[in-house]
């Protein structure tokens, strides 16, 4: 007994007729008349330059996700860049300093 091939008769799914290309100007006019906004990039201020990636091989293998203000995040990254340390090392040093300050 052989199995029937489910893909043997797919003639019903053939395209009825090939589509005709439409001019880009006609599409733009139709979109504008219908009130659809353009997805083209707007000229404006250029984004801030990308910082170089931070790649450090450490023994840290746990992740922490915290919410912070933009100022706090910028300060953390700035300190990490200035000290050439990964974010985890900066956090560890900050926690040690805070702990010492609390013990006084």
PDB file of N, CA and C in Angstrom:
ATOM      1  N   UNK A   1       0.845  -1.173   0.000  1.00  0.00           N
ATOM      2  CA  UNK A   1       0.000   0.000   0.000  1.00  0.00           C
ATOM      3  C   UNK A   1       0.898   1.246   0.000  1.00  0.00           C
ATOM      4  N   UNK A   2       0.687   2.161  -0.896  1.00  0.00           N
ATOM      5  CA  UNK A   2       1.507   3.369  -0.961  1.00  0.00           C
ATOM      6  C   UNK A   2       0.675   4.571  -0.519  1.00  0.00           C
ATOM      7  N   UNK A   3       1.381   5.532  -0.009  1.00  0.00           N
ATOM      8  CA  UNK A   3       0.705   6.750   0.456  1.00  0.00           C
ATOM      9  C   UNK A   3       0.494   7.716  -0.699  1.00  0.00           C
ATOM     10  N   UNK A   4      -0.544   8.461  -0.619  1.00  0.00           N
ATOM     11  CA  UNK A   4      -0.816   9.478  -1.635  1.00  0.00           C
ATOM     12  C   UNK A   4       0.087  10.679  -1.380  1.00  0.00           C
ATOM     13  N   UNK A   5       0.623  11.252  -2.434  1.00  0.00           N
ATOM     14  CA  UNK A   5       1.479  12.434  -2.323  1.00  0.00           C
ATOM     15  C   UNK A   5       0.576  13.656  -2.163  1.00  0.00           C
ATOM     16  N   UNK A   6       0.650  14.367  -1.031  1.00  0.00           N
ATOM     17  CA  UNK A   6      -0.244  15.519  -0.819  1.00  0.00           C
ATOM     18  C   UNK A   6       0.058  16.690  -1.751  1.00  0.00           C
ATOM     19  N   UNK A   7       1.231  16.678  -2.384  1.00  0.00           N
ATOM     20  CA  UNK A   7       1.607  17.782  -3.264  1.00  0.00           C
ATOM     21  C   UNK A   7       1.478  17.427  -4.746  1.00  0.00           C
ATOM     22  N   UNK A   8       0.869  16.302  -5.045  1.00  0.00           N
ATOM     23  CA  UNK A   8       0.821  15.857  -6.443  1.00  0.00           C
ATOM     24  C   UNK A   8      -0.118  16.699  -7.303  1.00  0.00           C
ATOM     25  N   UNK A   9      -1.205  17.233  -6.774  1.00  0.00           N
ATOM     26  CA  UNK A   9      -2.151  17.979  -7.576  1.00  0.00           C
ATOM     27  C   UNK A   9      -2.377  19.366  -6.977  1.00  0.00           C
ATOM     28  N   UNK A  10      -1.523  20.299  -7.355  1.00  0.00           N
ATOM     29  CA  UNK A  10      -1.648  21.667  -6.855  1.00  0.00           C
ATOM     30  C   UNK A  10      -2.010  22.638  -7.975  1.00  0.00           C
ATOM     31  N   UNK A  11      -2.621  22.136  -9.020  1.00  0.00           N
ATOM     32  CA  UNK A  11      -2.975  22.981 -10.165  1.00  0.00           C
ATOM     33  C   UNK A  11      -3.972  24.075  -9.794  1.00  0.00           C
ATOM     34  N   UNK A  12      -4.775  23.854  -8.757  1.00  0.00           N
ATOM     35  CA  UNK A  12      -5.765  24.862  -8.346  1.00  0.00           C
ATOM     36  C   UNK A  12      -5.102  26.118  -7.793  1.00  0.00           C
ATOM     37  N   UNK A  13      -3.841  26.011  -7.414  1.00  0.00           N
ATOM     38  CA  UNK A  13      -3.163  27.133  -6.774  1.00  0.00           C
ATOM     39  C   UNK A  13      -2.280  27.921  -7.726  1.00  0.00           C
ATOM     40  N   UNK A  14      -2.343  27.638  -8.992  1.00  0.00           N
ATOM     41  CA  UNK A  14      -1.538  28.369  -9.970  1.00  0.00           C
ATOM     42  C   UNK A  14      -2.061  29.796 -10.088  1.00  0.00           C
ATOM     43  N   UNK A  15      -1.181  30.772 -10.304  1.00  0.00           N
ATOM     44  CA  UNK A  15      -1.648  32.156 -10.450  1.00  0.00           C
ATOM     45  C   UNK A  15      -2.509  32.296 -11.693  1.00  0.00           C
ATOM     46  N   UNK A  16      -3.543  33.111 -11.594  1.00  0.00           N
ATOM     47  CA  UNK A  16      -4.471  33.283 -12.710  1.00  0.00           C
ATOM     48  C   UNK A  16      -3.827  34.053 -13.853  1.00  0.00           C
ATOM     49  N   UNK A  17      -3.125  35.127 -13.517  1.00  0.00           N
ATOM     50  CA  UNK A  17      -2.429  35.890 -14.550  1.00  0.00           C
ATOM     51  C   UNK A  17      -1.257  36.601 -13.884  1.00  0.00           C
ATOM     52  N   UNK A  18      -0.201  36.813 -14.622  1.00  0.00           N
ATOM     53  CA  UNK A  18       0.940  37.516 -14.020  1.00  0.00           C
ATOM     54  C   UNK A  18       0.568  38.969 -13.725  1.00  0.00           C
ATOM     55  N   UNK A  19       1.086  39.495 -12.638  1.00  0.00           N
ATOM     56  CA  UNK A  19       0.771  40.872 -12.268  1.00  0.00           C
ATOM     57  C   UNK A  19       1.577  41.833 -13.130  1.00  0.00           C
ATOM     58  N   UNK A  20       1.012  43.012 -13.353  1.00  0.00           N
ATOM     59  CA  UNK A  20       1.673  44.032 -14.162  1.00  0.00           C
ATOM     60  C   UNK A  20       2.408  44.979 -13.229  1.00  0.00           C
ATOM     61  N   UNK A  21       3.581  45.422 -13.598  1.00  0.00           N
ATOM     62  CA  UNK A  21       4.298  46.389 -12.761  1.00  0.00           C
ATOM     63  C   UNK A  21       3.566  47.736 -12.739  1.00  0.00           C
ATOM     64  N   UNK A  22       3.645  48.395 -11.595  1.00  0.00           N
ATOM     65  CA  UNK A  22       2.995  49.695 -11.431  1.00  0.00           C
ATOM     66  C   UNK A  22       4.091  50.728 -11.219  1.00  0.00           C
ATOM     67  N   UNK A  23       3.946  51.870 -11.843  1.00  0.00           N
ATOM     68  CA  UNK A  23       4.943  52.936 -11.735  1.00  0.00           C
ATOM     69  C   UNK A  23       4.997  53.459 -10.296  1.00  0.00           C
ATOM     70  N   UNK A  24       6.204  53.766  -9.842  1.00  0.00           N
ATOM     71  CA  UNK A  24       6.394  54.256  -8.473  1.00  0.00           C
ATOM     72  C   UNK A  24       5.659  55.582  -8.254  1.00  0.00           C
ATOM     73  N   UNK A  25       5.603  56.414  -9.295  1.00  0.00           N
ATOM     74  CA  UNK A  25       4.911  57.706  -9.163  1.00  0.00           C
ATOM     75  C   UNK A  25       3.423  57.501  -8.888  1.00  0.00           C
ATOM     76  N   UNK A  26       2.833  56.507  -9.538  1.00  0.00           N
ATOM     77  CA  UNK A  26       1.408  56.231  -9.334  1.00  0.00           C
ATOM     78  C   UNK A  26       1.152  55.768  -7.904  1.00  0.00           C
ATOM     79  N   UNK A  27       2.061  54.967  -7.375  1.00  0.00           N
ATOM     80  CA  UNK A  27       1.921  54.488  -5.994  1.00  0.00           C
ATOM     81  C   UNK A  27       2.038  55.657  -5.029  1.00  0.00           C
ATOM     82  N   UNK A  28       3.022  56.554  -5.277  1.00  0.00           N
ATOM     83  CA  UNK A  28       3.193  57.716  -4.394  1.00  0.00           C
ATOM     84  C   UNK A  28       1.966  58.622  -4.434  1.00  0.00           C
ATOM     85  N   UNK A  29       1.405  58.846  -5.614  1.00  0.00           N
ATOM     86  CA  UNK A  29       0.216  59.697  -5.735  1.00  0.00           C
ATOM     87  C   UNK A  29      -0.976  59.079  -5.008  1.00  0.00           C
ATOM     88  N   UNK A  30      -1.157  57.774  -5.168  1.00  0.00           N
ATOM     89  CA  UNK A  30      -2.263  57.093  -4.505  1.00  0.00           C
ATOM     90  C   UNK A  30      -2.101  57.141  -2.987  1.00  0.00           C
ATOM     91  N   UNK A  31      -0.882  56.936  -2.510  1.00  0.00           N
ATOM     92  CA  UNK A  31      -0.636  56.976  -1.068  1.00  0.00           C
ATOM     93  C   UNK A  31      -0.896  58.369  -0.518  1.00  0.00           C
ATOM     94  N   UNK A  32      -0.446  59.385  -1.219  1.00  0.00           N
ATOM     95  CA  UNK A  32      -0.656  60.756  -0.754  1.00  0.00           C
ATOM     96  C   UNK A  32      -2.140  61.110  -0.762  1.00  0.00           C
ATOM     97  N   UNK A  33      -2.859  60.702  -1.806  1.00  0.00           N
ATOM     98  CA  UNK A  33      -4.296  60.980  -1.893  1.00  0.00           C
ATOM     99  C   UNK A  33      -5.076  60.244  -0.809  1.00  0.00           C
ATOM    100  N   UNK A  34      -4.581  59.081  -0.398  1.00  0.00           N
ATOM    101  CA  UNK A  34      -5.271  58.286   0.628  1.00  0.00           C
ATOM    102  C   UNK A  34      -4.864  58.670   2.041  1.00  0.00           C
ATOM    103  N   UNK A  35      -3.862  59.532   2.171  1.00  0.00           N
ATOM    104  CA  UNK A  35      -3.456  59.985   3.498  1.00  0.00           C
ATOM    105  C   UNK A  35      -2.466  59.054   4.193  1.00  0.00           C
ATOM    106  N   UNK A  36      -1.787  58.211   3.438  1.00  0.00           N
ATOM    107  CA  UNK A  36      -0.779  57.344   4.028  1.00  0.00           C
ATOM    108  C   UNK A  36       0.546  58.091   4.090  1.00  0.00           C
ATOM    109  N   UNK A  37       1.204  58.113   5.255  1.00  0.00           N
ATOM    110  CA  UNK A  37       2.486  58.824   5.352  1.00  0.00           C
ATOM    111  C   UNK A  37       3.603  58.028   4.670  1.00  0.00           C
ATOM    112  N   UNK A  38       4.604  58.739   4.227  1.00  0.00           N
ATOM    113  CA  UNK A  38       5.761  58.097   3.607  1.00  0.00           C
ATOM    114  C   UNK A  38       6.634  57.480   4.690  1.00  0.00           C
ATOM    115  N   UNK A  39       7.253  56.362   4.373  1.00  0.00           N
ATOM    116  CA  UNK A  39       8.169  55.728   5.324  1.00  0.00           C
ATOM    117  C   UNK A  39       9.618  56.070   5.006  1.00  0.00           C
ATOM    118  N   UNK A  40       9.799  56.995   4.095  1.00  0.00           N
ATOM    119  CA  UNK A  40      11.157  57.397   3.753  1.00  0.00           C
ATOM    120  C   UNK A  40      11.747  58.165   4.930  1.00  0.00           C
ATOM    121  N   UNK A  41      13.053  58.040   5.089  1.00  0.00           N
ATOM    122  CA  UNK A  41      13.734  58.710   6.196  1.00  0.00           C
ATOM    123  C   UNK A  41      13.645  60.218   6.017  1.00  0.00           C
ATOM    124  N   UNK A  42      13.337  60.902   7.097  1.00  0.00           N
ATOM    125  CA  UNK A  42      13.272  62.355   7.067  1.00  0.00           C
ATOM    126  C   UNK A  42      14.657  62.914   7.359  1.00  0.00           C
ATOM    127  N   UNK A  43      14.972  63.989   6.683  1.00  0.00           N
ATOM    128  CA  UNK A  43      16.246  64.634   6.970  1.00  0.00           C
ATOM    129  C   UNK A  43      16.101  65.421   8.259  1.00  0.00           C
ATOM    130  N   UNK A  44      17.052  65.244   9.127  1.00  0.00           N
ATOM    131  CA  UNK A  44      17.009  65.923  10.406  1.00  0.00           C
ATOM    132  C   UNK A  44      18.363  65.802  11.060  1.00  0.00           C
ATOM    133  N   UNK A  45      18.418  66.055  12.346  1.00  0.00           N
ATOM    134  CA  UNK A  45      19.710  65.961  13.017  1.00  0.00           C
ATOM    135  C   UNK A  45      20.232  64.528  12.964  1.00  0.00           C
ATOM    136  N   UNK A  46      21.515  64.408  12.733  1.00  0.00           N
ATOM    137  CA  UNK A  46      22.100  63.076  12.650  1.00  0.00           C
ATOM    138  C   UNK A  46      22.187  62.478  14.057  1.00  0.00           C
ATOM    139  N   UNK A  47      22.057  61.171  14.160  1.00  0.00           N
ATOM    140  CA  UNK A  47      22.120  60.546  15.475  1.00  0.00           C
ATOM    141  C   UNK A  47      23.521  60.673  16.070  1.00  0.00           C
ATOM    142  N   UNK A  48      23.584  60.520  17.374  1.00  0.00           N
ATOM    143  CA  UNK A  48      24.874  60.607  18.054  1.00  0.00           C
ATOM    144  C   UNK A  48      25.792  59.506  17.532  1.00  0.00           C
ATOM    145  N   UNK A  49      27.090  59.781  17.464  1.00  0.00           N
ATOM    146  CA  UNK A  49      28.001  58.745  16.965  1.00  0.00           C
ATOM    147  C   UNK A  49      27.967  57.516  17.873  1.00  0.00           C
ATOM    148  N   UNK A  50      28.059  56.366  17.257  1.00  0.00           N
ATOM    149  CA  UNK A  50      28.004  55.117  18.022  1.00  0.00           C
ATOM    150  C   UNK A  50      29.286  54.946  18.826  1.00  0.00           C
ATOM    151  N   UNK A  51      29.129  54.482  20.035  1.00  0.00           N
ATOM    152  CA  UNK A  51      30.295  54.246  20.870  1.00  0.00           C
ATOM    153  C   UNK A  51      30.935  52.924  20.465  1.00  0.00           C
ATOM    154  N   UNK A  52      32.212  52.753  20.704  1.00  0.00           N
ATOM    155  CA  UNK A  52      32.824  51.462  20.373  1.00  0.00           C
ATOM    156  C   UNK A  52      32.263  50.372  21.280  1.00  0.00           C
ATOM    157  N   UNK A  53      32.192  49.149  20.785  1.00  0.00           N
ATOM    158  CA  UNK A  53      31.614  48.076  21.618  1.00  0.00           C
ATOM    159  C   UNK A  53      32.486  47.774  22.828  1.00  0.00           C
ATOM    160  N   UNK A  54      31.841  47.372  23.899  1.00  0.00           N
ATOM    161  CA  UNK A  54      32.557  47.001  25.122  1.00  0.00           C
ATOM    162  C   UNK A  54      32.651  45.483  25.147  1.00  0.00           C
ATOM    163  N   UNK A  55      33.837  44.964  25.017  1.00  0.00           N
ATOM    164  CA  UNK A  55      34.050  43.517  25.055  1.00  0.00           C
ATOM    165  C   UNK A  55      35.086  43.217  26.125  1.00  0.00           C
ATOM    166  N   UNK A  56      34.656  42.578  27.180  1.00  0.00           N
ATOM    167  CA  UNK A  56      35.553  42.194  28.259  1.00  0.00           C
ATOM    168  C   UNK A  56      35.291  40.728  28.587  1.00  0.00           C
ATOM    169  N   UNK A  57      36.370  39.960  28.717  1.00  0.00           N
ATOM    170  CA  UNK A  57      36.219  38.578  29.145  1.00  0.00           C
ATOM    171  C   UNK A  57      36.339  38.565  30.661  1.00  0.00           C
ATOM    172  N   UNK A  58      35.272  38.175  31.320  1.00  0.00           N
ATOM    173  CA  UNK A  58      35.249  38.155  32.783  1.00  0.00           C
ATOM    174  C   UNK A  58      34.632  36.850  33.239  1.00  0.00           C
ATOM    175  N   UNK A  59      34.636  36.636  34.522  1.00  0.00           N
ATOM    176  CA  UNK A  59      33.994  35.451  35.073  1.00  0.00           C
ATOM    177  C   UNK A  59      32.525  35.674  35.364  1.00  0.00           C
ATOM    178  N   UNK A  60      32.030  36.838  34.997  1.00  0.00           N
ATOM    179  CA  UNK A  60      30.627  37.143  35.288  1.00  0.00           C
ATOM    180  C   UNK A  60      29.727  36.443  34.282  1.00  0.00           C
ATOM    181  N   UNK A  61      28.745  35.728  34.786  1.00  0.00           N
ATOM    182  CA  UNK A  61      27.841  35.026  33.882  1.00  0.00           C
ATOM    183  C   UNK A  61      26.375  35.218  34.260  1.00  0.00           C
ATOM    184  N   UNK A  62      26.094  36.179  35.094  1.00  0.00           N
ATOM    185  CA  UNK A  62      24.713  36.467  35.485  1.00  0.00           C
ATOM    186  C   UNK A  62      24.354  37.852  34.978  1.00  0.00           C
ATOM    187  N   UNK A  63      23.092  38.013  34.645  1.00  0.00           N
ATOM    188  CA  UNK A  63      22.627  39.282  34.105  1.00  0.00           C
ATOM    189  C   UNK A  63      21.665  39.926  35.080  1.00  0.00           C
ATOM    190  N   UNK A  64      21.739  41.255  35.153  1.00  0.00           N
ATOM    191  CA  UNK A  64      20.807  42.019  35.980  1.00  0.00           C
ATOM    192  C   UNK A  64      20.183  43.088  35.086  1.00  0.00           C
ATOM    193  N   UNK A  65      18.900  43.243  35.201  1.00  0.00           N
ATOM    194  CA  UNK A  65      18.188  44.218  34.390  1.00  0.00           C
ATOM    195  C   UNK A  65      17.532  45.203  35.344  1.00  0.00           C
ATOM    196  N   UNK A  66      17.954  46.457  35.269  1.00  0.00           N
ATOM    197  CA  UNK A  66      17.402  47.474  36.164  1.00  0.00           C
ATOM    198  C   UNK A  66      16.911  48.660  35.353  1.00  0.00           C
ATOM    199  N   UNK A  67      15.944  49.369  35.903  1.00  0.00           N
ATOM    200  CA  UNK A  67      15.475  50.602  35.274  1.00  0.00           C
ATOM    201  C   UNK A  67      16.237  51.760  35.898  1.00  0.00           C
ATOM    202  N   UNK A  68      16.625  52.715  35.064  1.00  0.00           N
ATOM    203  CA  UNK A  68      17.358  53.878  35.541  1.00  0.00           C
ATOM    204  C   UNK A  68      17.024  55.060  34.645  1.00  0.00           C
ATOM    205  N   UNK A  69      17.358  56.238  35.120  1.00  0.00           N
ATOM    206  CA  UNK A  69      17.166  57.430  34.301  1.00  0.00           C
ATOM    207  C   UNK A  69      18.257  57.482  33.245  1.00  0.00           C
ATOM    208  N   UNK A  70      18.025  58.273  32.226  1.00  0.00           N
ATOM    209  CA  UNK A  70      19.010  58.422  31.155  1.00  0.00           C
ATOM    210  C   UNK A  70      20.321  58.976  31.717  1.00  0.00           C
ATOM    211  N   UNK A  71      20.230  59.903  32.675  1.00  0.00           N
ATOM    212  CA  UNK A  71      21.429  60.487  33.290  1.00  0.00           C
ATOM    213  C   UNK A  71      22.259  59.417  33.995  1.00  0.00           C
ATOM    214  N   UNK A  72      21.592  58.535  34.750  1.00  0.00           N
ATOM    215  CA  UNK A  72      22.283  57.485  35.482  1.00  0.00           C
ATOM    216  C   UNK A  72      22.966  56.520  34.528  1.00  0.00           C
ATOM    217  N   UNK A  73      22.287  56.146  33.468  1.00  0.00           N
ATOM    218  CA  UNK A  73      22.865  55.223  32.496  1.00  0.00           C
ATOM    219  C   UNK A  73      24.073  55.856  31.820  1.00  0.00           C
ATOM    220  N   UNK A  74      23.937  57.131  31.430  1.00  0.00           N
ATOM    221  CA  UNK A  74      25.060  57.830  30.810  1.00  0.00           C
ATOM    222  C   UNK A  74      26.249  57.905  31.761  1.00  0.00           C
ATOM    223  N   UNK A  75      25.978  58.184  33.041  1.00  0.00           N
ATOM    224  CA  UNK A  75      27.064  58.272  34.027  1.00  0.00           C
ATOM    225  C   UNK A  75      27.743  56.918  34.202  1.00  0.00           C
ATOM    226  N   UNK A  76      26.972  55.848  34.270  1.00  0.00           N
ATOM    227  CA  UNK A  76      27.545  54.508  34.428  1.00  0.00           C
ATOM    228  C   UNK A  76      28.442  54.162  33.249  1.00  0.00           C
ATOM    229  N   UNK A  77      27.963  54.386  32.041  1.00  0.00           N
ATOM    230  CA  UNK A  77      28.772  54.092  30.861  1.00  0.00           C
ATOM    231  C   UNK A  77      30.011  54.985  30.807  1.00  0.00           C
ATOM    232  N   UNK A  78      29.877  56.249  31.189  1.00  0.00           N
ATOM    233  CA  UNK A  78      31.008  57.167  31.174  1.00  0.00           C
ATOM    234  C   UNK A  78      32.093  56.700  32.143  1.00  0.00           C
ATOM    235  N   UNK A  79      31.680  56.308  33.347  1.00  0.00           N
ATOM    236  CA  UNK A  79      32.649  55.820  34.339  1.00  0.00           C
ATOM    237  C   UNK A  79      33.313  54.546  33.835  1.00  0.00           C
ATOM    238  N   UNK A  80      32.531  53.640  33.277  1.00  0.00           N
ATOM    239  CA  UNK A  80      33.085  52.380  32.757  1.00  0.00           C
ATOM    240  C   UNK A  80      34.074  52.649  31.632  1.00  0.00           C
ATOM    241  N   UNK A  81      33.758  53.596  30.754  1.00  0.00           N
ATOM    242  CA  UNK A  81      34.669  53.933  29.662  1.00  0.00           C
ATOM    243  C   UNK A  81      35.949  54.573  30.194  1.00  0.00           C
ATOM    244  N   UNK A  82      35.810  55.529  31.132  1.00  0.00           N
ATOM    245  CA  UNK A  82      36.981  56.210  31.684  1.00  0.00           C
ATOM    246  C   UNK A  82      37.915  55.238  32.402  1.00  0.00           C
ATOM    247  N   UNK A  83      37.342  54.261  33.108  1.00  0.00           N
ATOM    248  CA  UNK A  83      38.146  53.304  33.870  1.00  0.00           C
ATOM    249  C   UNK A  83      38.522  52.076  33.035  1.00  0.00           C
ATOM    250  N   UNK A  84      37.978  51.987  31.816  1.00  0.00           N
ATOM    251  CA  UNK A  84      38.191  50.841  30.935  1.00  0.00           C
ATOM    252  C   UNK A  84      37.841  49.533  31.650  1.00  0.00           C
ATOM    253  N   UNK A  85      36.668  49.540  32.281  1.00  0.00           N
ATOM    254  CA  UNK A  85      36.182  48.375  33.016  1.00  0.00           C
ATOM    255  C   UNK A  85      34.815  47.973  32.479  1.00  0.00           C
ATOM    256  N   UNK A  86      34.463  46.703  32.635  1.00  0.00           N
ATOM    257  CA  UNK A  86      33.094  46.311  32.282  1.00  0.00           C
ATOM    258  C   UNK A  86      32.113  46.876  33.291  1.00  0.00           C
ATOM    259  N   UNK A  87      30.851  46.950  32.892  1.00  0.00           N
ATOM    260  CA  UNK A  87      29.828  47.520  33.762  1.00  0.00           C
ATOM    261  C   UNK A  87      29.721  46.762  35.080  1.00  0.00           C
ATOM    262  N   UNK A  88      29.880  45.442  35.041  1.00  0.00           N
ATOM    263  CA  UNK A  88      29.805  44.646  36.267  1.00  0.00           C
ATOM    264  C   UNK A  88      30.878  45.017  37.269  1.00  0.00           C
ATOM    265  N   UNK A  89      32.096  45.301  36.790  1.00  0.00           N
ATOM    266  CA  UNK A  89      33.190  45.687  37.690  1.00  0.00           C
ATOM    267  C   UNK A  89      32.916  47.061  38.299  1.00  0.00           C
ATOM    268  N   UNK A  90      32.362  47.974  37.508  1.00  0.00           N
ATOM    269  CA  UNK A  90      32.012  49.297  38.032  1.00  0.00           C
ATOM    270  C   UNK A  90      30.945  49.160  39.106  1.00  0.00           C
ATOM    271  N   UNK A  91      29.950  48.330  38.863  1.00  0.00           N
ATOM    272  CA  UNK A  91      28.897  48.106  39.854  1.00  0.00           C
ATOM    273  C   UNK A  91      29.479  47.499  41.124  1.00  0.00           C
ATOM    274  N   UNK A  92      30.373  46.524  40.985  1.00  0.00           N
ATOM    275  CA  UNK A  92      30.987  45.907  42.169  1.00  0.00           C
ATOM    276  C   UNK A  92      31.744  46.940  42.996  1.00  0.00           C
ATOM    277  N   UNK A  93      32.550  47.778  42.327  1.00  0.00           N
ATOM    278  CA  UNK A  93      33.308  48.796  43.053  1.00  0.00           C
ATOM    279  C   UNK A  93      32.383  49.813  43.711  1.00  0.00           C
ATOM    280  N   UNK A  94      31.316  50.185  43.026  1.00  0.00           N
ATOM    281  CA  UNK A  94      30.365  51.140  43.601  1.00  0.00           C
ATOM    282  C   UNK A  94      29.686  50.545  44.834  1.00  0.00           C
ATOM    283  N   UNK A  95      29.333  49.264  44.777  1.00  0.00           N
ATOM    284  CA  UNK A  95      28.691  48.618  45.925  1.00  0.00           C
ATOM    285  C   UNK A  95      29.635  48.492  47.108  1.00  0.00           C
ATOM    286  N   UNK A  96      30.915  48.189  46.858  1.00  0.00           N
ATOM    287  CA  UNK A  96      31.908  48.124  47.942  1.00  0.00           C
ATOM    288  C   UNK A  96      32.039  49.493  48.595  1.00  0.00           C
ATOM    289  N   UNK A  97      32.144  50.554  47.788  1.00  0.00           N
ATOM    290  CA  UNK A  97      32.268  51.910  48.331  1.00  0.00           C
ATOM    291  C   UNK A  97      31.024  52.299  49.119  1.00  0.00           C
ATOM    292  N   UNK A  98      29.850  51.973  48.620  1.00  0.00           N
ATOM    293  CA  UNK A  98      28.608  52.297  49.321  1.00  0.00           C
ATOM    294  C   UNK A  98      28.516  51.533  50.627  1.00  0.00           C
ATOM    295  N   UNK A  99      28.903  50.282  50.610  1.00  0.00           N
ATOM    296  CA  UNK A  99      28.886  49.462  51.832  1.00  0.00           C
ATOM    297  C   UNK A  99      29.827  50.026  52.877  1.00  0.00           C
ATOM    298  N   UNK A 100      31.027  50.435  52.464  1.00  0.00           N
ATOM    299  CA  UNK A 100      31.990  51.022  53.404  1.00  0.00           C
ATOM    300  C   UNK A 100      31.439  52.317  53.983  1.00  0.00           C
ATOM    301  N   UNK A 101      30.811  53.121  53.171  1.00  0.00           N
ATOM    302  CA  UNK A 101      30.256  54.396  53.625  1.00  0.00           C
ATOM    303  C   UNK A 101      29.125  54.143  54.640  1.00  0.00           C
ATOM    304  N   UNK A 102      28.325  53.117  54.420  1.00  0.00           N
ATOM    305  CA  UNK A 102      27.212  52.814  55.324  1.00  0.00           C
ATOM    306  C   UNK A 102      27.710  52.333  56.686  1.00  0.00           C
ATOM    307  N   UNK A 103      28.862  51.671  56.723  1.00  0.00           N
ATOM    308  CA  UNK A 103      29.401  51.120  57.968  1.00  0.00           C
ATOM    309  C   UNK A 103      29.980  52.194  58.870  1.00  0.00           C
ATOM    310  N   UNK A 104      30.294  53.359  58.338  1.00  0.00           N
ATOM    311  CA  UNK A 104      30.892  54.426  59.150  1.00  0.00           C
ATOM    312  C   UNK A 104      29.916  55.009  60.119  1.00  0.00           C
TER     313      UNK A 104
END
